[in-house]
């Protein structure tokens, strides 16, 4: 049975690679080769595979070398990747990718805050100015309507006053006519009493 040169644990399945240079065996996870890539690896490519340790011995101009896990005592979890759990203070989702340093924008955090506040103040001023303009236009329309309504009320008031004056005049005339009629009736009755044979009703 072979042992993994990275984690020193036994290799008891088919998920491993053999280095064509040093003939060492490695778990696919220990050399960061996903299981899907391992299964899609052709026999020719598998036979020419070079482990990271041998590749590191060859001078290279880039940093494309695959790191090898440090040697650890043999244990059953040696080929399992352990991820650090997120604490409650760590941001989640895309917030973790957001930089807290704004130096790449050419401004400091305080300067950026001031710029945002100034933009918000400017926007608020524009909104208030637009709101005031709309209110003033509406008030002007209300003033015109109120002025027209006031003129109508004044006209109706004058008409009612004239009508009251005419009614008062007519009442006075009617009262005068009634008095004249009563006076004529009184004179007629007096004449009939004085000359009963001459006048008859």
N, C-alpha and C. Protein backbone atom coordinates (compact mmCIF):
# COMPACT_ATOMS: atom_id res chain seq x y z
N UNK A 1 0.85 -1.20 0.00
CA UNK A 1 0.00 0.00 0.00
C UNK A 1 0.89 1.24 0.00
N UNK A 2 0.53 2.20 -0.82
CA UNK A 2 1.33 3.41 -0.95
C UNK A 2 0.91 4.45 0.07
N UNK A 3 1.82 5.36 0.35
CA UNK A 3 1.54 6.48 1.26
C UNK A 3 1.65 7.79 0.49
N UNK A 4 0.82 8.74 0.88
CA UNK A 4 0.84 10.06 0.25
C UNK A 4 2.09 10.80 0.73
N UNK A 5 2.87 11.34 -0.21
CA UNK A 5 4.09 12.06 0.14
C UNK A 5 3.80 13.40 0.81
N UNK A 6 2.56 13.87 0.71
CA UNK A 6 2.22 15.16 1.32
C UNK A 6 1.73 15.00 2.75
N UNK A 7 0.72 14.14 2.94
CA UNK A 7 0.12 13.98 4.27
C UNK A 7 0.60 12.74 5.00
N UNK A 8 1.36 11.88 4.34
CA UNK A 8 1.92 10.67 4.94
C UNK A 8 0.87 9.66 5.36
N UNK A 9 -0.35 9.82 4.91
CA UNK A 9 -1.37 8.81 5.21
C UNK A 9 -1.47 7.84 4.05
N UNK A 10 -2.05 6.69 4.34
CA UNK A 10 -2.11 5.64 3.32
C UNK A 10 -3.09 6.02 2.22
N UNK A 11 -2.81 5.55 1.03
CA UNK A 11 -3.68 5.76 -0.12
C UNK A 11 -4.43 4.47 -0.37
N UNK A 12 -5.71 4.47 -0.07
CA UNK A 12 -6.50 3.25 -0.16
C UNK A 12 -7.60 3.35 -1.20
N UNK A 13 -7.53 4.30 -2.10
CA UNK A 13 -8.52 4.40 -3.17
C UNK A 13 -7.81 4.75 -4.47
N UNK A 14 -8.59 5.03 -5.51
CA UNK A 14 -8.02 5.33 -6.82
C UNK A 14 -7.80 6.82 -7.03
N UNK A 15 -8.13 7.63 -6.06
CA UNK A 15 -8.03 9.07 -6.22
C UNK A 15 -6.63 9.53 -5.84
N UNK A 16 -5.68 9.21 -6.68
CA UNK A 16 -4.30 9.61 -6.39
C UNK A 16 -3.57 9.83 -7.71
N UNK A 17 -2.39 10.46 -7.60
CA UNK A 17 -1.53 10.72 -8.75
C UNK A 17 -0.12 10.26 -8.44
N UNK A 18 0.58 9.82 -9.47
CA UNK A 18 1.97 9.39 -9.29
C UNK A 18 2.88 10.30 -10.10
N UNK A 19 3.90 10.80 -9.42
CA UNK A 19 4.84 11.70 -10.07
C UNK A 19 5.76 10.88 -10.98
N UNK A 20 5.90 11.36 -12.23
CA UNK A 20 6.76 10.65 -13.18
C UNK A 20 8.24 10.95 -12.94
N UNK A 21 8.54 11.92 -12.09
CA UNK A 21 9.94 12.28 -11.82
C UNK A 21 10.48 11.57 -10.60
N UNK A 22 9.76 11.69 -9.47
CA UNK A 22 10.25 11.09 -8.22
C UNK A 22 9.49 9.82 -7.85
N UNK A 23 8.48 9.45 -8.64
CA UNK A 23 7.66 8.24 -8.41
C UNK A 23 6.94 8.27 -7.07
N UNK A 24 6.70 9.45 -6.51
CA UNK A 24 5.94 9.58 -5.26
C UNK A 24 4.44 9.62 -5.57
N UNK A 25 3.66 9.15 -4.59
CA UNK A 25 2.21 9.12 -4.74
C UNK A 25 1.59 10.26 -3.91
N UNK A 26 0.48 10.80 -4.43
CA UNK A 26 -0.20 11.90 -3.74
C UNK A 26 -1.71 11.72 -3.85
N UNK A 27 -2.40 12.05 -2.74
CA UNK A 27 -3.86 12.19 -2.83
C UNK A 27 -4.16 13.35 -3.78
N UNK A 28 -5.21 13.22 -4.58
CA UNK A 28 -5.54 14.32 -5.50
C UNK A 28 -5.86 15.61 -4.76
N UNK A 29 -6.50 15.49 -3.57
CA UNK A 29 -6.83 16.69 -2.80
C UNK A 29 -5.59 17.33 -2.20
N UNK A 30 -4.58 16.52 -1.89
CA UNK A 30 -3.36 17.06 -1.30
C UNK A 30 -2.58 17.93 -2.28
N UNK A 31 -2.80 17.70 -3.58
CA UNK A 31 -2.11 18.51 -4.59
C UNK A 31 -3.11 19.41 -5.32
N UNK A 32 -4.28 19.62 -4.68
CA UNK A 32 -5.30 20.56 -5.18
C UNK A 32 -5.77 20.20 -6.58
N UNK A 33 -5.99 18.94 -6.82
CA UNK A 33 -6.55 18.49 -8.10
C UNK A 33 -7.97 17.98 -7.82
N UNK A 34 -9.00 18.68 -8.28
CA UNK A 34 -10.38 18.24 -8.03
C UNK A 34 -10.61 16.85 -8.61
N UNK A 35 -11.58 16.15 -8.00
CA UNK A 35 -11.88 14.79 -8.42
C UNK A 35 -12.36 14.76 -9.87
N UNK A 36 -13.13 15.77 -10.27
CA UNK A 36 -13.63 15.81 -11.65
C UNK A 36 -12.48 15.95 -12.63
N UNK A 37 -11.48 16.80 -12.29
CA UNK A 37 -10.31 16.94 -13.17
C UNK A 37 -9.48 15.66 -13.21
N UNK A 38 -9.42 14.99 -12.06
CA UNK A 38 -8.65 13.74 -12.00
C UNK A 38 -9.26 12.67 -12.91
N UNK A 39 -10.58 12.59 -12.90
CA UNK A 39 -11.25 11.58 -13.71
C UNK A 39 -11.16 11.91 -15.20
N UNK A 40 -11.10 13.23 -15.51
CA UNK A 40 -11.00 13.64 -16.91
C UNK A 40 -9.56 13.62 -17.42
N UNK A 41 -8.61 13.32 -16.53
CA UNK A 41 -7.21 13.30 -16.92
C UNK A 41 -6.93 12.06 -17.76
N UNK A 42 -6.36 12.28 -18.92
CA UNK A 42 -6.06 11.14 -19.81
C UNK A 42 -4.91 10.32 -19.23
N UNK A 43 -4.79 9.08 -19.74
CA UNK A 43 -3.71 8.21 -19.25
C UNK A 43 -2.34 8.76 -19.61
N UNK A 44 -2.25 9.41 -20.78
CA UNK A 44 -0.96 9.98 -21.19
C UNK A 44 -0.58 11.14 -20.29
N UNK A 45 -1.58 12.02 -20.00
CA UNK A 45 -1.31 13.16 -19.12
C UNK A 45 -1.00 12.68 -17.72
N UNK A 46 -1.66 11.62 -17.27
CA UNK A 46 -1.41 11.09 -15.93
C UNK A 46 -0.02 10.50 -15.81
N UNK A 47 0.46 9.91 -16.90
CA UNK A 47 1.79 9.29 -16.84
C UNK A 47 2.91 10.32 -16.90
N UNK A 48 2.58 11.54 -17.32
CA UNK A 48 3.61 12.59 -17.39
C UNK A 48 3.42 13.65 -16.31
N UNK A 49 2.58 13.33 -15.34
CA UNK A 49 2.29 14.31 -14.28
C UNK A 49 3.50 14.47 -13.37
N UNK A 50 3.83 15.72 -13.01
CA UNK A 50 4.95 16.03 -12.13
C UNK A 50 4.40 16.65 -10.86
N UNK A 51 4.86 16.16 -9.74
CA UNK A 51 4.36 16.66 -8.45
C UNK A 51 4.86 18.09 -8.22
N UNK A 52 4.18 18.84 -7.35
CA UNK A 52 4.58 20.22 -7.08
C UNK A 52 6.00 20.34 -6.54
N UNK A 53 6.41 19.38 -5.74
CA UNK A 53 7.75 19.45 -5.15
C UNK A 53 8.82 19.37 -6.24
N UNK A 54 8.61 18.50 -7.23
CA UNK A 54 9.58 18.39 -8.32
C UNK A 54 9.51 19.62 -9.23
N UNK A 55 8.29 20.16 -9.40
CA UNK A 55 8.17 21.36 -10.22
C UNK A 55 8.84 22.54 -9.55
N UNK A 56 8.80 22.59 -8.22
CA UNK A 56 9.44 23.69 -7.50
C UNK A 56 10.96 23.66 -7.66
N UNK A 57 11.51 22.50 -7.93
CA UNK A 57 12.96 22.40 -8.09
C UNK A 57 13.42 22.96 -9.43
N UNK A 58 12.48 23.04 -10.38
CA UNK A 58 12.81 23.58 -11.71
C UNK A 58 12.58 25.08 -11.68
N UNK A 59 13.58 25.91 -12.05
CA UNK A 59 13.41 27.37 -12.04
C UNK A 59 12.27 27.78 -12.96
N UNK A 60 11.44 28.68 -12.46
CA UNK A 60 10.31 29.19 -13.24
C UNK A 60 10.25 30.70 -13.14
N UNK A 61 9.57 31.32 -14.13
CA UNK A 61 9.47 32.78 -14.15
C UNK A 61 8.15 33.27 -13.58
N UNK A 62 7.23 32.36 -13.26
CA UNK A 62 5.94 32.79 -12.72
C UNK A 62 5.67 32.07 -11.41
N UNK A 63 4.48 32.31 -10.85
CA UNK A 63 4.10 31.71 -9.57
C UNK A 63 2.99 30.69 -9.76
N UNK A 64 3.11 29.89 -10.82
CA UNK A 64 2.04 28.93 -11.10
C UNK A 64 2.24 27.59 -10.41
N UNK A 65 3.27 27.46 -9.56
CA UNK A 65 3.50 26.19 -8.86
C UNK A 65 2.39 25.89 -7.89
N UNK A 66 2.00 24.63 -7.82
CA UNK A 66 0.96 24.22 -6.89
C UNK A 66 1.61 23.90 -5.55
N UNK A 67 1.16 24.52 -4.48
CA UNK A 67 1.79 24.27 -3.17
C UNK A 67 1.47 22.88 -2.65
N UNK A 68 2.41 22.34 -1.91
CA UNK A 68 2.23 21.03 -1.30
C UNK A 68 1.99 21.22 0.18
N UNK A 69 1.08 20.46 0.71
CA UNK A 69 0.80 20.59 2.13
C UNK A 69 2.01 20.16 2.95
N UNK A 70 2.16 20.82 4.07
CA UNK A 70 3.27 20.47 4.96
C UNK A 70 3.05 19.09 5.55
N UNK A 71 4.18 18.43 5.87
CA UNK A 71 4.09 17.08 6.42
C UNK A 71 3.48 17.11 7.80
N UNK A 72 2.50 16.26 8.01
CA UNK A 72 1.83 16.18 9.31
C UNK A 72 1.76 14.72 9.72
N UNK A 73 1.60 14.44 11.00
CA UNK A 73 1.45 13.04 11.44
C UNK A 73 0.27 12.40 10.76
N UNK A 74 0.38 11.15 10.51
CA UNK A 74 -0.69 10.42 9.82
C UNK A 74 -1.95 10.45 10.66
N UNK A 75 -3.06 10.83 10.03
CA UNK A 75 -4.37 10.78 10.68
C UNK A 75 -5.42 10.64 9.61
N UNK A 76 -6.59 10.27 10.01
CA UNK A 76 -7.65 9.98 9.04
C UNK A 76 -8.18 11.23 8.38
N UNK A 77 -8.00 12.43 8.96
CA UNK A 77 -8.52 13.68 8.40
C UNK A 77 -7.44 14.48 7.69
N UNK A 78 -6.28 13.85 7.40
CA UNK A 78 -5.17 14.60 6.83
C UNK A 78 -5.48 15.11 5.44
N UNK A 79 -6.31 14.38 4.67
CA UNK A 79 -6.60 14.80 3.31
C UNK A 79 -7.91 15.56 3.21
N UNK A 80 -8.42 16.06 4.33
CA UNK A 80 -9.65 16.83 4.37
C UNK A 80 -9.29 18.29 4.55
N UNK A 81 -9.88 19.14 3.72
CA UNK A 81 -9.63 20.58 3.82
C UNK A 81 -10.50 21.17 4.93
N UNK A 82 -9.86 21.84 5.87
CA UNK A 82 -10.58 22.49 6.98
C UNK A 82 -10.68 23.98 6.70
N UNK A 83 -11.86 24.49 6.72
CA UNK A 83 -12.09 25.92 6.49
C UNK A 83 -12.45 26.60 7.80
N UNK A 84 -11.86 27.77 7.95
CA UNK A 84 -12.14 28.54 9.18
C UNK A 84 -13.57 29.06 9.14
N UNK A 85 -14.28 28.85 10.23
CA UNK A 85 -15.66 29.32 10.31
C UNK A 85 -15.69 30.83 10.40
N UNK A 86 -16.70 31.38 9.78
CA UNK A 86 -16.87 32.83 9.83
C UNK A 86 -17.38 33.25 11.20
N UNK A 87 -16.81 34.28 11.71
CA UNK A 87 -17.29 34.84 12.97
C UNK A 87 -18.46 35.76 12.69
N UNK A 88 -19.19 36.11 13.75
CA UNK A 88 -20.36 36.97 13.58
C UNK A 88 -19.98 38.36 13.11
N UNK A 89 -18.72 38.76 13.32
CA UNK A 89 -18.30 40.09 12.93
C UNK A 89 -17.84 40.14 11.49
N UNK A 90 -17.62 38.98 10.84
CA UNK A 90 -17.16 38.98 9.47
C UNK A 90 -18.33 39.26 8.54
N UNK A 91 -18.13 40.06 7.50
CA UNK A 91 -19.21 40.33 6.55
C UNK A 91 -19.52 39.10 5.74
N UNK A 92 -20.74 38.99 5.27
CA UNK A 92 -21.19 37.85 4.51
C UNK A 92 -21.45 38.26 3.08
N UNK A 93 -21.46 37.26 2.18
CA UNK A 93 -21.78 37.50 0.79
C UNK A 93 -20.76 38.39 0.12
N UNK A 94 -21.24 39.25 -0.73
CA UNK A 94 -20.35 40.12 -1.49
C UNK A 94 -19.74 41.22 -0.62
N UNK A 95 -20.30 41.44 0.58
CA UNK A 95 -19.75 42.47 1.45
C UNK A 95 -18.32 42.14 1.85
N UNK A 96 -17.97 40.85 1.84
CA UNK A 96 -16.61 40.48 2.21
C UNK A 96 -15.61 40.95 1.18
N UNK A 97 -16.06 41.15 -0.07
CA UNK A 97 -15.17 41.60 -1.13
C UNK A 97 -15.04 43.10 -1.19
N UNK A 98 -15.86 43.83 -0.43
CA UNK A 98 -15.81 45.27 -0.48
C UNK A 98 -14.61 45.78 0.30
N UNK A 99 -13.82 46.63 -0.32
CA UNK A 99 -12.65 47.16 0.39
C UNK A 99 -13.04 48.20 1.42
N UNK A 100 -12.35 48.19 2.53
CA UNK A 100 -12.57 49.22 3.55
C UNK A 100 -11.63 50.40 3.36
N UNK A 101 -10.66 50.24 2.47
CA UNK A 101 -9.72 51.30 2.18
C UNK A 101 -10.08 51.89 0.83
N UNK A 102 -10.27 53.22 0.79
CA UNK A 102 -10.68 53.89 -0.43
C UNK A 102 -9.51 54.62 -1.08
N UNK A 103 -8.30 54.20 -0.76
CA UNK A 103 -7.13 54.86 -1.33
C UNK A 103 -7.06 54.64 -2.83
N UNK A 104 -7.63 53.51 -3.32
CA UNK A 104 -7.60 53.27 -4.76
C UNK A 104 -8.44 54.28 -5.52
N UNK A 105 -9.34 55.01 -4.82
CA UNK A 105 -10.14 56.05 -5.45
C UNK A 105 -9.43 57.40 -5.44
N UNK A 106 -8.32 57.49 -4.78
CA UNK A 106 -7.58 58.75 -4.71
C UNK A 106 -8.07 59.68 -3.63
N UNK A 107 -8.97 59.21 -2.76
CA UNK A 107 -9.50 60.02 -1.65
C UNK A 107 -9.50 59.19 -0.39
N UNK A 108 -9.48 59.88 0.72
CA UNK A 108 -9.55 59.18 2.00
C UNK A 108 -11.00 58.89 2.35
N UNK A 109 -11.20 58.12 3.41
CA UNK A 109 -12.56 57.76 3.83
C UNK A 109 -13.34 59.00 4.25
N UNK A 110 -12.70 59.91 5.00
CA UNK A 110 -13.38 61.13 5.44
C UNK A 110 -13.73 62.02 4.25
N UNK A 111 -12.79 62.12 3.30
CA UNK A 111 -13.06 62.95 2.12
C UNK A 111 -14.22 62.37 1.31
N UNK A 112 -14.25 61.05 1.19
CA UNK A 112 -15.35 60.41 0.47
C UNK A 112 -16.68 60.66 1.18
N UNK A 113 -16.67 60.60 2.53
CA UNK A 113 -17.89 60.86 3.29
C UNK A 113 -18.36 62.30 3.07
N UNK A 114 -17.42 63.25 3.07
CA UNK A 114 -17.77 64.65 2.85
C UNK A 114 -18.34 64.86 1.45
N UNK A 115 -17.75 64.18 0.47
CA UNK A 115 -18.25 64.32 -0.90
C UNK A 115 -19.68 63.80 -1.01
N UNK A 116 -19.92 62.65 -0.39
CA UNK A 116 -21.27 62.07 -0.42
C UNK A 116 -22.27 62.98 0.29
N UNK A 117 -21.86 63.52 1.47
CA UNK A 117 -22.75 64.42 2.20
C UNK A 117 -23.06 65.67 1.40
N UNK A 118 -22.04 66.22 0.72
CA UNK A 118 -22.24 67.41 -0.08
C UNK A 118 -23.19 67.13 -1.25
N UNK A 119 -23.03 65.97 -1.88
CA UNK A 119 -23.92 65.59 -2.97
C UNK A 119 -25.35 65.43 -2.47
N UNK A 120 -25.52 64.84 -1.29
CA UNK A 120 -26.85 64.67 -0.72
C UNK A 120 -27.48 66.01 -0.39
N UNK A 121 -26.67 66.92 0.20
CA UNK A 121 -27.20 68.26 0.50
C UNK A 121 -27.63 68.98 -0.77
N UNK A 122 -26.81 68.87 -1.81
CA UNK A 122 -27.15 69.51 -3.08
C UNK A 122 -28.43 68.93 -3.66
N UNK A 123 -28.58 67.62 -3.57
CA UNK A 123 -29.80 66.98 -4.08
C UNK A 123 -31.01 67.42 -3.29
N UNK A 124 -30.86 67.50 -1.96
CA UNK A 124 -31.97 67.94 -1.11
C UNK A 124 -32.37 69.37 -1.45
N UNK A 125 -31.39 70.24 -1.68
CA UNK A 125 -31.69 71.63 -2.03
C UNK A 125 -32.45 71.71 -3.34
N UNK A 126 -32.04 70.91 -4.32
CA UNK A 126 -32.74 70.91 -5.60
C UNK A 126 -34.17 70.40 -5.44
N UNK A 127 -34.34 69.36 -4.64
CA UNK A 127 -35.69 68.83 -4.40
C UNK A 127 -36.58 69.85 -3.71
N UNK A 128 -36.02 70.54 -2.70
CA UNK A 128 -36.79 71.55 -1.97
C UNK A 128 -37.15 72.71 -2.88
N UNK A 129 -36.19 73.15 -3.74
CA UNK A 129 -36.47 74.25 -4.66
C UNK A 129 -37.57 73.87 -5.65
N UNK A 130 -37.51 72.64 -6.16
CA UNK A 130 -38.55 72.18 -7.08
C UNK A 130 -39.90 72.10 -6.37
N UNK A 131 -39.89 71.62 -5.13
CA UNK A 131 -41.13 71.51 -4.36
C UNK A 131 -41.73 72.88 -4.10
N UNK A 132 -40.88 73.84 -3.74
CA UNK A 132 -41.36 75.20 -3.50
C UNK A 132 -41.95 75.81 -4.77
N UNK A 133 -41.27 75.58 -5.90
CA UNK A 133 -41.76 76.12 -7.17
C UNK A 133 -43.14 75.55 -7.50
N UNK A 134 -43.31 74.26 -7.31
CA UNK A 134 -44.60 73.62 -7.58
C UNK A 134 -45.68 74.17 -6.65
N UNK A 135 -45.33 74.31 -5.37
CA UNK A 135 -46.30 74.84 -4.40
C UNK A 135 -46.70 76.27 -4.76
N UNK A 136 -45.71 77.09 -5.17
CA UNK A 136 -46.01 78.48 -5.52
C UNK A 136 -46.94 78.55 -6.73
N UNK A 137 -46.71 77.68 -7.72
CA UNK A 137 -47.59 77.66 -8.89
C UNK A 137 -49.01 77.27 -8.50
N UNK A 138 -49.12 76.28 -7.62
CA UNK A 138 -50.44 75.85 -7.17
C UNK A 138 -51.12 76.95 -6.35
N UNK A 139 -50.34 77.65 -5.52
CA UNK A 139 -50.91 78.74 -4.72
C UNK A 139 -51.40 79.87 -5.61
N UNK A 140 -50.65 80.15 -6.69
CA UNK A 140 -51.10 81.18 -7.62
C UNK A 140 -52.45 80.82 -8.23
N UNK A 141 -52.59 79.56 -8.62
CA UNK A 141 -53.87 79.11 -9.19
C UNK A 141 -54.98 79.22 -8.16
N UNK A 142 -54.68 78.86 -6.90
CA UNK A 142 -55.68 78.98 -5.83
C UNK A 142 -56.08 80.44 -5.61
N UNK A 143 -55.10 81.35 -5.67
CA UNK A 143 -55.38 82.77 -5.47
C UNK A 143 -56.31 83.30 -6.55
N UNK A 144 -56.08 82.86 -7.81
CA UNK A 144 -56.95 83.30 -8.90
C UNK A 144 -58.37 82.79 -8.68
N UNK A 145 -58.49 81.51 -8.29
CA UNK A 145 -59.82 80.94 -8.04
C UNK A 145 -60.51 81.64 -6.86
N UNK A 146 -59.75 81.89 -5.81
CA UNK A 146 -60.32 82.57 -4.63
C UNK A 146 -60.75 83.99 -4.98
N UNK A 147 -59.94 84.69 -5.81
CA UNK A 147 -60.29 86.05 -6.22
C UNK A 147 -61.59 86.04 -7.03
N UNK A 148 -61.71 85.06 -7.93
CA UNK A 148 -62.94 84.95 -8.72
C UNK A 148 -64.13 84.63 -7.84
N UNK A 149 -63.93 83.75 -6.86
CA UNK A 149 -65.00 83.40 -5.94
C UNK A 149 -65.40 84.60 -5.09
N UNK A 150 -64.41 85.39 -4.68
CA UNK A 150 -64.69 86.59 -3.88
C UNK A 150 -65.51 87.60 -4.68
N UNK A 151 -65.14 87.75 -5.96
CA UNK A 151 -65.91 88.68 -6.81
C UNK A 151 -67.35 88.21 -6.95
N UNK A 152 -67.53 86.89 -7.11
CA UNK A 152 -68.89 86.35 -7.23
C UNK A 152 -69.69 86.58 -5.96
N UNK A 153 -69.04 86.36 -4.81
CA UNK A 153 -69.72 86.57 -3.53
C UNK A 153 -70.09 88.04 -3.35
N UNK A 154 -69.18 88.94 -3.71
CA UNK A 154 -69.47 90.38 -3.60
C UNK A 154 -70.63 90.78 -4.50
N UNK A 155 -70.65 90.22 -5.72
CA UNK A 155 -71.74 90.51 -6.64
C UNK A 155 -73.07 90.03 -6.07
N UNK A 156 -73.09 88.80 -5.54
CA UNK A 156 -74.31 88.28 -4.93
C UNK A 156 -74.74 89.11 -3.74
N UNK A 157 -73.75 89.57 -2.95
CA UNK A 157 -74.08 90.40 -1.80
C UNK A 157 -74.72 91.72 -2.23
N UNK A 158 -74.15 92.34 -3.26
CA UNK A 158 -74.71 93.60 -3.75
C UNK A 158 -76.12 93.39 -4.30
N UNK A 159 -76.31 92.25 -5.01
CA UNK A 159 -77.64 91.96 -5.57
C UNK A 159 -78.66 91.76 -4.46
N UNK A 160 -78.25 91.05 -3.40
CA UNK A 160 -79.16 90.82 -2.28
C UNK A 160 -79.49 92.14 -1.58
N UNK A 161 -78.49 93.01 -1.44
CA UNK A 161 -78.73 94.32 -0.82
C UNK A 161 -79.72 95.15 -1.64
N UNK A 162 -79.53 95.12 -2.97
CA UNK A 162 -80.46 95.86 -3.85
C UNK A 162 -81.86 95.28 -3.76
N UNK A 163 -81.93 93.91 -3.71
CA UNK A 163 -83.23 93.26 -3.60
C UNK A 163 -83.90 93.64 -2.28
N UNK A 164 -83.13 93.66 -1.21
CA UNK A 164 -83.70 94.06 0.08
C UNK A 164 -84.20 95.51 0.04
N UNK A 165 -83.46 96.37 -0.65
CA UNK A 165 -83.88 97.77 -0.77
C UNK A 165 -85.19 97.89 -1.56
N UNK A 166 -85.26 97.09 -2.65
CA UNK A 166 -86.48 97.12 -3.46
C UNK A 166 -87.66 96.57 -2.67
N UNK A 167 -87.41 95.52 -1.93
CA UNK A 167 -88.49 94.95 -1.12
C UNK A 167 -88.97 95.95 -0.07
N UNK A 168 -88.03 96.64 0.55
CA UNK A 168 -88.40 97.63 1.56
C UNK A 168 -89.20 98.78 0.93
N UNK A 169 -88.80 99.18 -0.26
CA UNK A 169 -89.52 100.26 -0.97
C UNK A 169 -90.94 99.80 -1.31
N UNK A 170 -91.04 98.58 -1.85
CA UNK A 170 -92.36 98.04 -2.18
C UNK A 170 -93.25 97.92 -0.96
N UNK A 171 -92.68 97.50 0.14
CA UNK A 171 -93.46 97.36 1.38
C UNK A 171 -93.97 98.72 1.84
N UNK A 172 -93.11 99.70 1.70
CA UNK A 172 -93.53 101.06 2.08
C UNK A 172 -94.68 101.52 1.21
N UNK A 173 -94.58 101.24 -0.10
CA UNK A 173 -95.64 101.64 -1.02
C UNK A 173 -96.94 100.92 -0.70
N UNK A 174 -96.81 99.61 -0.44
CA UNK A 174 -98.00 98.83 -0.12
C UNK A 174 -98.66 99.35 1.16
N UNK A 175 -97.86 99.65 2.17
CA UNK A 175 -98.40 100.20 3.42
C UNK A 175 -99.11 101.53 3.17
N UNK A 176 -98.54 102.34 2.27
CA UNK A 176 -99.15 103.64 1.97
C UNK A 176 -100.47 103.45 1.24
N UNK A 177 -100.50 102.48 0.30
CA UNK A 177 -101.73 102.22 -0.43
C UNK A 177 -102.80 101.71 0.51
N UNK A 178 -102.41 100.83 1.43
CA UNK A 178 -103.38 100.30 2.40
C UNK A 178 -103.94 101.42 3.26
N UNK A 179 -103.10 102.31 3.69
CA UNK A 179 -103.57 103.46 4.50
C UNK A 179 -104.51 104.35 3.71
N UNK A 180 -104.16 104.58 2.43
CA UNK A 180 -105.04 105.42 1.58
C UNK A 180 -106.39 104.75 1.39
N UNK A 181 -106.37 103.40 1.20
CA UNK A 181 -107.63 102.69 1.03
C UNK A 181 -108.48 102.78 2.30
N UNK A 182 -107.82 102.60 3.43
CA UNK A 182 -108.57 102.69 4.69
C UNK A 182 -109.14 104.10 4.88
N UNK A 183 -108.40 105.10 4.48
CA UNK A 183 -108.88 106.49 4.61
C UNK A 183 -110.06 106.74 3.70
N UNK A 184 -109.98 106.19 2.45
CA UNK A 184 -111.10 106.36 1.51
C UNK A 184 -112.34 105.65 2.02
N UNK A 185 -112.13 104.44 2.55
CA UNK A 185 -113.29 103.71 3.09
C UNK A 185 -113.93 104.49 4.25
N UNK A 186 -113.08 105.08 5.08
CA UNK A 186 -113.61 105.84 6.21
C UNK A 186 -114.38 107.06 5.73
N UNK A 187 -113.83 107.74 4.71
CA UNK A 187 -114.54 108.91 4.16
C UNK A 187 -115.85 108.49 3.51
N UNK A 188 -115.84 107.35 2.80
CA UNK A 188 -117.05 106.89 2.15
C UNK A 188 -118.12 106.53 3.16
N UNK A 189 -117.72 105.87 4.23
CA UNK A 189 -118.69 105.52 5.27
C UNK A 189 -119.25 106.76 5.93
N UNK A 190 -118.41 107.75 6.10
CA UNK A 190 -118.89 109.01 6.71
C UNK A 190 -119.89 109.70 5.80
N UNK A 191 -119.64 109.67 4.49
CA UNK A 191 -120.56 110.33 3.55
C UNK A 191 -121.89 109.60 3.50
N UNK A 192 -121.83 108.26 3.54
CA UNK A 192 -123.07 107.48 3.51
C UNK A 192 -123.91 107.73 4.75
N UNK A 193 -123.27 107.88 5.85
CA UNK A 193 -124.02 108.15 7.08
C UNK A 193 -124.65 109.54 7.04
N UNK A 194 -123.99 110.47 6.39
CA UNK A 194 -124.52 111.86 6.33
C UNK A 194 -125.63 111.95 5.30
N UNK A 195 -125.56 111.24 4.27
CA UNK A 195 -126.59 111.29 3.22
C UNK A 195 -127.01 109.86 2.90
N UNK A 196 -127.79 109.22 3.72
CA UNK A 196 -128.17 107.83 3.52
C UNK A 196 -128.99 107.60 2.26
N UNK A 197 -129.84 108.58 1.82
CA UNK A 197 -130.68 108.37 0.66
C UNK A 197 -129.92 108.62 -0.64
N UNK A 198 -128.88 109.33 -0.53
CA UNK A 198 -128.18 109.69 -1.78
C UNK A 198 -127.20 108.59 -2.20
N UNK A 199 -126.56 108.00 -1.20
CA UNK A 199 -125.59 106.95 -1.51
C UNK A 199 -126.08 105.64 -0.99
N UNK A 200 -125.90 104.67 -1.70
CA UNK A 200 -126.24 103.31 -1.28
C UNK A 200 -125.13 102.36 -1.73
N UNK A 201 -124.98 101.34 -0.99
CA UNK A 201 -123.96 100.35 -1.35
C UNK A 201 -124.59 99.25 -2.16
